[in-house]
């Protein structure tokens, strides 16, 4: 998986959103990206042009954009990291609103080694639900 040092957090946010739009609608346009990220279209256009120069997207003014194979690879890795973190917090019983906010706050700052550990822990907790239930019960006792 590309590390967060390969791309900035902002570029990762754009790639993630572009990938989500393409998956949902079959295409991504500057107006859709701007709307979903609550950013001015001019700012989105500038960022997309930079991403085009880096070989992450192919951008044609007034036509929209597509991810390059490199851009899609990075976007999938970002989405995978996001999903693993979300699943981790869900298993711990974190509410959905807090979970989304926390994932957005930390997903770009994890080293590949830390992410690999969390991914293994999520897999372990999934394969050992009794241990997860013990932890959840333990937390419940602490809150009393």
Protein backbone atom coordinates (compact mmCIF):
# COMPACT_ATOMS: atom_id res chain seq x y z
CA UNK A 1 0.00 0.00 0.00
CA UNK A 2 1.37 3.45 -0.80
CA UNK A 3 2.28 5.27 2.37
CA UNK A 4 0.88 8.61 3.40
CA UNK A 5 4.23 10.15 2.50
CA UNK A 6 3.65 9.33 -1.18
CA UNK A 7 0.66 11.67 -1.37
CA UNK A 8 -0.61 14.49 0.80
CA UNK A 9 -3.69 14.09 2.97
CA UNK A 10 -5.51 16.52 0.67
CA UNK A 11 -4.64 14.51 -2.44
CA UNK A 12 -5.75 11.35 -0.62
CA UNK A 13 -9.10 12.98 0.26
CA UNK A 14 -9.61 13.92 -3.38
CA UNK A 15 -8.67 10.47 -4.64
CA UNK A 16 -10.97 8.82 -2.14
CA UNK A 17 -13.88 11.08 -3.13
CA UNK A 18 -13.23 10.68 -6.87
CA UNK A 19 -13.11 6.91 -6.47
CA UNK A 20 -16.37 6.93 -4.48
CA UNK A 21 -18.09 9.12 -7.09
CA UNK A 22 -16.95 6.91 -9.96
CA UNK A 23 -18.11 3.80 -8.08
CA UNK A 24 -21.51 5.37 -7.32
CA UNK A 25 -22.23 7.32 -10.52
CA UNK A 26 -19.82 5.97 -13.10
CA UNK A 27 -18.07 9.33 -13.42
CA UNK A 28 -16.64 12.21 -11.41
CA UNK A 29 -16.91 15.86 -12.35
CA UNK A 30 -15.33 18.89 -10.74
CA UNK A 31 -18.77 20.16 -9.68
CA UNK A 32 -19.53 16.85 -7.91
CA UNK A 33 -16.19 16.81 -6.13
CA UNK A 34 -16.55 20.46 -5.08
CA UNK A 35 -20.06 19.84 -3.77
CA UNK A 36 -19.18 16.68 -1.85
CA UNK A 37 -16.04 18.18 -0.28
CA UNK A 38 -17.69 21.60 0.23
CA UNK A 39 -14.86 23.33 -1.65
CA UNK A 40 -14.96 25.96 -4.40
CA UNK A 41 -14.89 24.56 -7.93
CA UNK A 42 -11.85 26.68 -8.79
CA UNK A 43 -9.90 25.09 -5.92
CA UNK A 44 -10.94 21.63 -7.06
CA UNK A 45 -9.87 22.40 -10.63
CA UNK A 46 -6.43 23.52 -9.46
CA UNK A 47 -5.96 20.38 -7.37
CA UNK A 48 -7.19 18.13 -10.18
CA UNK A 49 -4.70 19.75 -12.55
CA UNK A 50 -1.89 19.02 -10.06
CA UNK A 51 -3.09 15.45 -9.72
CA UNK A 52 -3.15 15.16 -13.51
CA UNK A 53 0.48 16.31 -13.60
CA UNK A 54 1.36 13.62 -11.02
CA UNK A 55 -0.28 10.95 -13.18
CA UNK A 56 -3.11 10.19 -10.75
CA UNK A 57 -6.03 11.37 -12.92
CA UNK A 58 -6.72 12.27 -16.50
CA UNK A 59 -8.55 15.59 -16.59
CA UNK A 60 -10.28 17.11 -19.57
CA UNK A 61 -11.75 20.54 -18.97
CA UNK A 62 -15.57 20.48 -19.12
CA UNK A 63 -15.60 16.69 -19.56
CA UNK A 64 -14.73 15.29 -16.15
CA UNK A 65 -11.97 13.00 -15.10
CA UNK A 66 -10.93 9.42 -14.65
CA UNK A 67 -8.40 7.82 -12.39
CA UNK A 68 -5.25 6.49 -13.97
CA UNK A 69 -4.19 2.96 -12.97
CA UNK A 70 -1.77 4.59 -10.49
CA UNK A 71 -4.53 6.87 -9.15
CA UNK A 72 -6.93 3.95 -8.81
CA UNK A 73 -4.32 1.90 -6.96
CA UNK A 74 -3.75 4.73 -4.48
CA UNK A 75 -7.51 5.36 -4.13
CA UNK A 76 -8.21 1.70 -3.42
CA UNK A 77 -5.46 1.62 -0.79
CA UNK A 78 -6.92 4.73 0.85
CA UNK A 79 -10.41 3.23 0.81
CA UNK A 80 -9.07 -0.04 2.27
CA UNK A 81 -7.34 1.89 5.08
CA UNK A 82 -10.53 3.87 5.74
CA UNK A 83 -12.64 0.70 5.84
CA UNK A 84 -10.27 -1.15 8.18
CA UNK A 85 -10.18 1.78 10.59
CA UNK A 86 -13.97 2.13 10.50
CA UNK A 87 -14.39 -1.59 11.17
CA UNK A 88 -11.91 -1.40 14.05
CA UNK A 89 -13.83 1.41 15.73
CA UNK A 90 -17.18 -0.31 15.08
CA UNK A 91 -15.90 -3.45 16.80
CA UNK A 92 -14.94 -1.32 19.79
CA UNK A 93 -18.47 0.07 19.93
CA UNK A 94 -17.71 3.63 18.83
CA UNK A 95 -20.83 5.38 17.53
CA UNK A 96 -21.01 6.02 13.78
CA UNK A 97 -20.71 9.83 13.88
CA UNK A 98 -17.67 9.75 16.17
CA UNK A 99 -16.20 6.88 14.19
CA UNK A 100 -16.38 8.79 10.88
CA UNK A 101 -14.88 11.91 12.40
CA UNK A 102 -12.05 9.94 14.03
CA UNK A 103 -11.29 7.92 10.91
CA UNK A 104 -11.07 11.12 8.84
CA UNK A 105 -8.78 12.59 11.49
CA UNK A 106 -6.27 9.76 11.66
CA UNK A 107 -6.43 7.82 8.40
CA UNK A 108 -3.76 9.93 6.70
CA UNK A 109 -1.34 9.83 9.61
CA UNK A 110 -0.82 6.12 10.15
CA UNK A 111 2.43 4.52 9.16
CA UNK A 112 2.16 1.41 6.99
CA UNK A 113 3.43 -0.68 9.94
CA UNK A 114 0.77 0.66 12.32
CA UNK A 115 -1.91 0.14 9.70
CA UNK A 116 -0.76 -3.45 9.17
CA UNK A 117 -1.02 -4.06 12.94
CA UNK A 118 -4.55 -2.63 13.07
CA UNK A 119 -5.55 -4.67 10.04
CA UNK A 120 -4.26 -7.82 11.74
CA UNK A 121 -6.07 -6.89 14.96
CA UNK A 122 -9.38 -6.40 13.12
CA UNK A 123 -8.92 -9.80 11.46
CA UNK A 124 -8.04 -11.37 14.84
CA UNK A 125 -11.09 -9.85 16.54
CA UNK A 126 -13.30 -11.03 13.69
CA UNK A 127 -11.94 -14.57 14.00
CA UNK A 128 -12.16 -14.54 17.82
CA UNK A 129 -15.53 -12.98 18.68
CA UNK A 130 -15.39 -14.32 22.25
CA UNK A 131 -12.33 -12.17 22.96
CA UNK A 132 -14.02 -9.14 21.42
CA UNK A 133 -17.13 -9.77 23.54
CA UNK A 134 -14.95 -10.03 26.65
CA UNK A 135 -13.42 -6.65 25.84
CA UNK A 136 -16.82 -5.07 25.21
CA UNK A 137 -18.08 -6.48 28.53
CA UNK A 138 -14.98 -5.22 30.27
CA UNK A 139 -15.54 -1.73 28.93
CA UNK A 140 -19.15 -1.90 30.10
CA UNK A 141 -17.96 -2.69 33.62
CA UNK A 142 -15.54 0.24 33.54
CA UNK A 143 -18.34 2.64 32.66
CA UNK A 144 -20.43 1.65 35.68
